[in-house]
């Protein structure tokens, strides 16, 4: 007797195991962004990666700055969402 297996898994195992996954998802966002930039340069896809590469080669600092600022904002928003999701999933997490 006791609790069903689904309840034990969802209330105890998944609840404790999801915290590191959320934290790692927020930290892996810069790697994902840099990986897509490299892949788009290699495959010559018309995305933000080749535009950054061409602007760096031609010393167009304003375009490069805009691309890097956009990437930084996306990184900050992703980390903020990961932190908010972590606080929502685990009420023991408190921020000062």
N, C-alpha and C. Protein backbone atom coordinates (compact mmCIF):
# COMPACT_ATOMS: atom_id res chain seq x y z
N UNK A 1 0.84 -1.18 0.00
CA UNK A 1 0.00 0.00 0.00
C UNK A 1 0.88 1.24 0.00
N UNK A 2 0.28 2.37 0.22
CA UNK A 2 1.05 3.60 0.20
C UNK A 2 0.65 4.46 -1.00
N UNK A 3 1.52 5.35 -1.35
CA UNK A 3 1.25 6.25 -2.47
C UNK A 3 1.49 5.54 -3.80
N UNK A 4 0.72 5.93 -4.81
CA UNK A 4 0.99 5.37 -6.15
C UNK A 4 2.35 5.84 -6.67
N UNK A 5 2.88 5.07 -7.59
CA UNK A 5 4.22 5.36 -8.11
C UNK A 5 4.27 6.72 -8.81
N UNK A 6 3.21 7.08 -9.52
CA UNK A 6 3.18 8.38 -10.20
C UNK A 6 3.31 9.53 -9.21
N UNK A 7 2.63 9.43 -8.11
CA UNK A 7 2.67 10.50 -7.10
C UNK A 7 4.06 10.61 -6.50
N UNK A 8 4.67 9.48 -6.22
CA UNK A 8 6.02 9.49 -5.64
C UNK A 8 7.01 10.09 -6.63
N UNK A 9 6.91 9.69 -7.88
CA UNK A 9 7.86 10.20 -8.88
C UNK A 9 7.66 11.69 -9.09
N UNK A 10 6.44 12.13 -9.29
CA UNK A 10 6.20 13.55 -9.60
C UNK A 10 6.40 14.47 -8.41
N UNK A 11 5.95 14.05 -7.23
CA UNK A 11 6.05 14.95 -6.08
C UNK A 11 7.43 14.97 -5.45
N UNK A 12 8.18 13.90 -5.58
CA UNK A 12 9.46 13.84 -4.89
C UNK A 12 10.65 13.84 -5.84
N UNK A 13 10.67 12.92 -6.77
CA UNK A 13 11.84 12.79 -7.64
C UNK A 13 11.94 13.94 -8.64
N UNK A 14 10.88 14.20 -9.37
CA UNK A 14 10.93 15.23 -10.41
C UNK A 14 11.08 16.61 -9.78
N UNK A 15 10.41 16.83 -8.68
CA UNK A 15 10.48 18.15 -8.02
C UNK A 15 11.89 18.48 -7.56
N UNK A 16 12.63 17.50 -7.08
CA UNK A 16 14.00 17.74 -6.65
C UNK A 16 14.99 17.70 -7.81
N UNK A 17 14.67 16.97 -8.85
CA UNK A 17 15.61 16.84 -9.97
C UNK A 17 15.48 17.98 -10.98
N UNK A 18 14.40 18.74 -10.94
CA UNK A 18 14.20 19.78 -11.95
C UNK A 18 15.01 21.03 -11.67
N UNK A 19 15.43 21.25 -10.43
CA UNK A 19 16.19 22.47 -10.09
C UNK A 19 17.50 22.58 -10.86
N UNK A 20 18.34 21.55 -10.87
CA UNK A 20 19.58 21.68 -11.65
C UNK A 20 19.33 21.80 -13.15
N UNK A 21 18.27 21.17 -13.64
CA UNK A 21 17.97 21.26 -15.07
C UNK A 21 17.60 22.68 -15.47
N UNK A 22 16.82 23.36 -14.64
CA UNK A 22 16.44 24.74 -14.95
C UNK A 22 17.66 25.64 -14.88
N UNK A 23 18.51 25.43 -13.88
CA UNK A 23 19.72 26.25 -13.76
C UNK A 23 20.65 26.04 -14.95
N UNK A 24 20.81 24.80 -15.36
CA UNK A 24 21.68 24.51 -16.51
C UNK A 24 21.09 25.04 -17.81
N UNK A 25 19.77 25.05 -17.92
CA UNK A 25 19.14 25.60 -19.13
C UNK A 25 19.43 27.09 -19.25
N UNK A 26 19.40 27.80 -18.13
CA UNK A 26 19.72 29.22 -18.17
C UNK A 26 21.18 29.48 -18.47
N UNK A 27 22.05 28.61 -17.99
CA UNK A 27 23.48 28.80 -18.22
C UNK A 27 23.93 28.34 -19.60
N UNK A 28 23.17 27.45 -20.23
CA UNK A 28 23.57 26.96 -21.54
C UNK A 28 23.08 27.85 -22.68
N UNK A 29 22.34 28.89 -22.37
CA UNK A 29 21.85 29.78 -23.41
C UNK A 29 22.96 30.49 -24.18
N UNK A 30 24.03 30.99 -23.54
CA UNK A 30 25.11 31.60 -24.32
C UNK A 30 25.77 30.62 -25.28
N UNK A 31 25.92 29.38 -24.86
CA UNK A 31 26.50 28.36 -25.73
C UNK A 31 25.61 28.12 -26.94
N UNK A 32 24.33 28.10 -26.72
CA UNK A 32 23.38 27.90 -27.81
C UNK A 32 23.45 29.06 -28.80
N UNK A 33 23.53 30.28 -28.29
CA UNK A 33 23.61 31.45 -29.17
C UNK A 33 24.90 31.44 -29.97
N UNK A 34 26.02 31.18 -29.31
CA UNK A 34 27.30 31.17 -30.03
C UNK A 34 27.37 30.01 -31.02
N UNK A 35 26.78 28.89 -30.69
CA UNK A 35 26.75 27.77 -31.61
C UNK A 35 25.94 28.06 -32.86
N UNK A 36 24.83 28.74 -32.71
CA UNK A 36 24.03 29.08 -33.89
C UNK A 36 24.73 30.12 -34.75
N UNK A 37 25.49 31.01 -34.13
CA UNK A 37 26.24 31.99 -34.92
C UNK A 37 27.30 31.29 -35.76
N UNK A 38 28.02 30.35 -35.16
CA UNK A 38 29.06 29.62 -35.89
C UNK A 38 28.46 28.77 -37.00
N UNK A 39 27.37 28.09 -36.71
CA UNK A 39 26.73 27.24 -37.72
C UNK A 39 26.19 28.07 -38.87
N UNK A 40 25.61 29.23 -38.56
CA UNK A 40 25.09 30.06 -39.65
C UNK A 40 26.20 30.65 -40.50
N UNK A 41 27.38 30.88 -39.92
CA UNK A 41 28.52 31.35 -40.72
C UNK A 41 29.02 30.23 -41.63
N UNK A 42 29.15 29.02 -41.08
CA UNK A 42 29.67 27.89 -41.86
C UNK A 42 28.70 27.51 -42.98
N UNK A 43 27.41 27.48 -42.69
CA UNK A 43 26.43 27.09 -43.70
C UNK A 43 25.95 28.25 -44.56
N UNK A 44 26.46 29.43 -44.30
CA UNK A 44 26.12 30.64 -45.05
C UNK A 44 24.61 30.89 -45.06
N UNK A 45 24.01 30.77 -43.89
CA UNK A 45 22.59 31.07 -43.74
C UNK A 45 22.41 32.57 -43.51
N UNK A 46 21.37 33.15 -44.05
CA UNK A 46 21.18 34.60 -43.90
C UNK A 46 20.60 34.95 -42.52
N UNK A 47 21.41 34.82 -41.51
CA UNK A 47 20.98 35.14 -40.15
C UNK A 47 21.91 36.19 -39.56
N UNK A 48 21.87 36.31 -38.25
CA UNK A 48 22.63 37.36 -37.58
C UNK A 48 24.12 37.01 -37.50
N UNK A 49 24.48 35.73 -37.61
CA UNK A 49 25.87 35.32 -37.51
C UNK A 49 26.75 35.87 -38.63
N UNK A 50 26.39 35.64 -39.89
CA UNK A 50 27.21 36.20 -40.97
C UNK A 50 27.23 37.73 -40.96
N UNK A 51 26.13 38.34 -40.52
CA UNK A 51 26.12 39.80 -40.45
C UNK A 51 27.14 40.29 -39.42
N UNK A 52 27.23 39.60 -38.28
CA UNK A 52 28.23 39.96 -37.28
C UNK A 52 29.64 39.74 -37.82
N UNK A 53 29.84 38.62 -38.49
CA UNK A 53 31.16 38.30 -39.04
C UNK A 53 31.59 39.33 -40.08
N UNK A 54 30.69 39.67 -40.99
CA UNK A 54 31.03 40.66 -42.03
C UNK A 54 31.25 42.05 -41.45
N UNK A 55 30.49 42.39 -40.42
CA UNK A 55 30.68 43.71 -39.81
C UNK A 55 32.00 43.78 -39.05
N UNK A 56 32.43 42.67 -38.47
CA UNK A 56 33.73 42.66 -37.80
C UNK A 56 34.87 42.73 -38.80
N UNK A 57 34.72 42.07 -39.94
CA UNK A 57 35.77 42.12 -40.97
C UNK A 57 35.87 43.50 -41.61
N UNK A 58 34.74 44.16 -41.78
CA UNK A 58 34.76 45.48 -42.42
C UNK A 58 34.88 46.62 -41.41
N UNK A 59 35.12 46.28 -40.16
CA UNK A 59 35.29 47.26 -39.08
C UNK A 59 34.08 48.17 -38.92
N UNK A 60 32.90 47.63 -39.15
CA UNK A 60 31.66 48.37 -38.94
C UNK A 60 31.24 48.16 -37.49
N UNK A 61 31.72 49.02 -36.63
CA UNK A 61 31.57 48.81 -35.20
C UNK A 61 30.13 48.97 -34.72
N UNK A 62 29.32 49.77 -35.39
CA UNK A 62 27.96 50.00 -34.93
C UNK A 62 27.06 48.78 -35.16
N UNK A 63 27.23 48.14 -36.29
CA UNK A 63 26.45 46.92 -36.55
C UNK A 63 26.90 45.81 -35.61
N UNK A 64 28.20 45.67 -35.42
CA UNK A 64 28.71 44.64 -34.51
C UNK A 64 28.22 44.90 -33.09
N UNK A 65 28.22 46.16 -32.68
CA UNK A 65 27.75 46.50 -31.34
C UNK A 65 26.26 46.19 -31.19
N UNK A 66 25.47 46.48 -32.22
CA UNK A 66 24.04 46.19 -32.16
C UNK A 66 23.78 44.69 -32.06
N UNK A 67 24.51 43.90 -32.82
CA UNK A 67 24.34 42.45 -32.76
C UNK A 67 24.75 41.91 -31.40
N UNK A 68 25.85 42.39 -30.87
CA UNK A 68 26.30 41.92 -29.56
C UNK A 68 25.36 42.39 -28.45
N UNK A 69 24.81 43.59 -28.57
CA UNK A 69 23.84 44.07 -27.58
C UNK A 69 22.57 43.22 -27.63
N UNK A 70 22.11 42.87 -28.83
CA UNK A 70 20.93 42.03 -28.95
C UNK A 70 21.18 40.66 -28.34
N UNK A 71 22.34 40.09 -28.58
CA UNK A 71 22.69 38.80 -27.99
C UNK A 71 22.76 38.90 -26.47
N UNK A 72 23.29 40.00 -25.97
CA UNK A 72 23.39 40.18 -24.52
C UNK A 72 22.01 40.31 -23.88
N UNK A 73 21.12 41.04 -24.54
CA UNK A 73 19.76 41.18 -24.01
C UNK A 73 19.04 39.84 -24.01
N UNK A 74 19.21 39.07 -25.08
CA UNK A 74 18.60 37.73 -25.11
C UNK A 74 19.16 36.84 -24.01
N UNK A 75 20.44 36.95 -23.75
CA UNK A 75 21.07 36.18 -22.69
C UNK A 75 20.51 36.57 -21.33
N UNK A 76 20.39 37.86 -21.08
CA UNK A 76 19.87 38.32 -19.79
C UNK A 76 18.41 37.92 -19.60
N UNK A 77 17.62 38.02 -20.64
CA UNK A 77 16.21 37.63 -20.54
C UNK A 77 16.10 36.12 -20.29
N UNK A 78 16.92 35.34 -20.97
CA UNK A 78 16.91 33.89 -20.75
C UNK A 78 17.30 33.52 -19.34
N UNK A 79 18.32 34.16 -18.80
CA UNK A 79 18.73 33.89 -17.42
C UNK A 79 17.67 34.34 -16.43
N UNK A 80 17.02 35.47 -16.70
CA UNK A 80 15.95 35.94 -15.83
C UNK A 80 14.79 34.96 -15.83
N UNK A 81 14.41 34.48 -17.01
CA UNK A 81 13.33 33.50 -17.10
C UNK A 81 13.68 32.20 -16.39
N UNK A 82 14.93 31.78 -16.49
CA UNK A 82 15.36 30.56 -15.79
C UNK A 82 15.31 30.77 -14.28
N UNK A 83 15.72 31.93 -13.80
CA UNK A 83 15.66 32.21 -12.37
C UNK A 83 14.22 32.29 -11.87
N UNK A 84 13.36 32.91 -12.65
CA UNK A 84 11.95 32.98 -12.25
C UNK A 84 11.30 31.60 -12.26
N UNK A 85 11.64 30.79 -13.24
CA UNK A 85 11.10 29.43 -13.28
C UNK A 85 11.60 28.61 -12.11
N UNK A 86 12.86 28.81 -11.73
CA UNK A 86 13.41 28.09 -10.58
C UNK A 86 12.70 28.52 -9.29
N UNK A 87 12.44 29.81 -9.14
CA UNK A 87 11.73 30.28 -7.94
C UNK A 87 10.28 29.81 -7.94
N UNK A 88 9.69 29.65 -9.10
CA UNK A 88 8.31 29.19 -9.18
C UNK A 88 8.21 27.69 -8.87
N UNK A 89 9.17 26.92 -9.37
CA UNK A 89 9.14 25.47 -9.17
C UNK A 89 9.50 25.10 -7.74
N UNK A 90 10.49 25.76 -7.18
CA UNK A 90 10.97 25.42 -5.85
C UNK A 90 10.77 26.62 -4.92
N UNK A 91 9.77 26.58 -4.06
CA UNK A 91 9.52 27.72 -3.18
C UNK A 91 10.60 27.92 -2.12
N UNK A 92 11.50 26.97 -1.96
CA UNK A 92 12.59 27.14 -0.99
C UNK A 92 13.62 28.14 -1.47
N UNK A 93 13.67 28.39 -2.78
CA UNK A 93 14.63 29.33 -3.35
C UNK A 93 14.12 30.74 -3.08
N UNK A 94 14.95 31.52 -2.43
CA UNK A 94 14.59 32.91 -2.14
C UNK A 94 15.70 33.82 -2.64
N UNK A 95 15.30 34.96 -3.14
CA UNK A 95 16.26 35.95 -3.61
C UNK A 95 16.23 37.14 -2.68
N UNK A 96 17.41 37.66 -2.39
CA UNK A 96 17.48 38.81 -1.47
C UNK A 96 17.19 40.09 -2.19
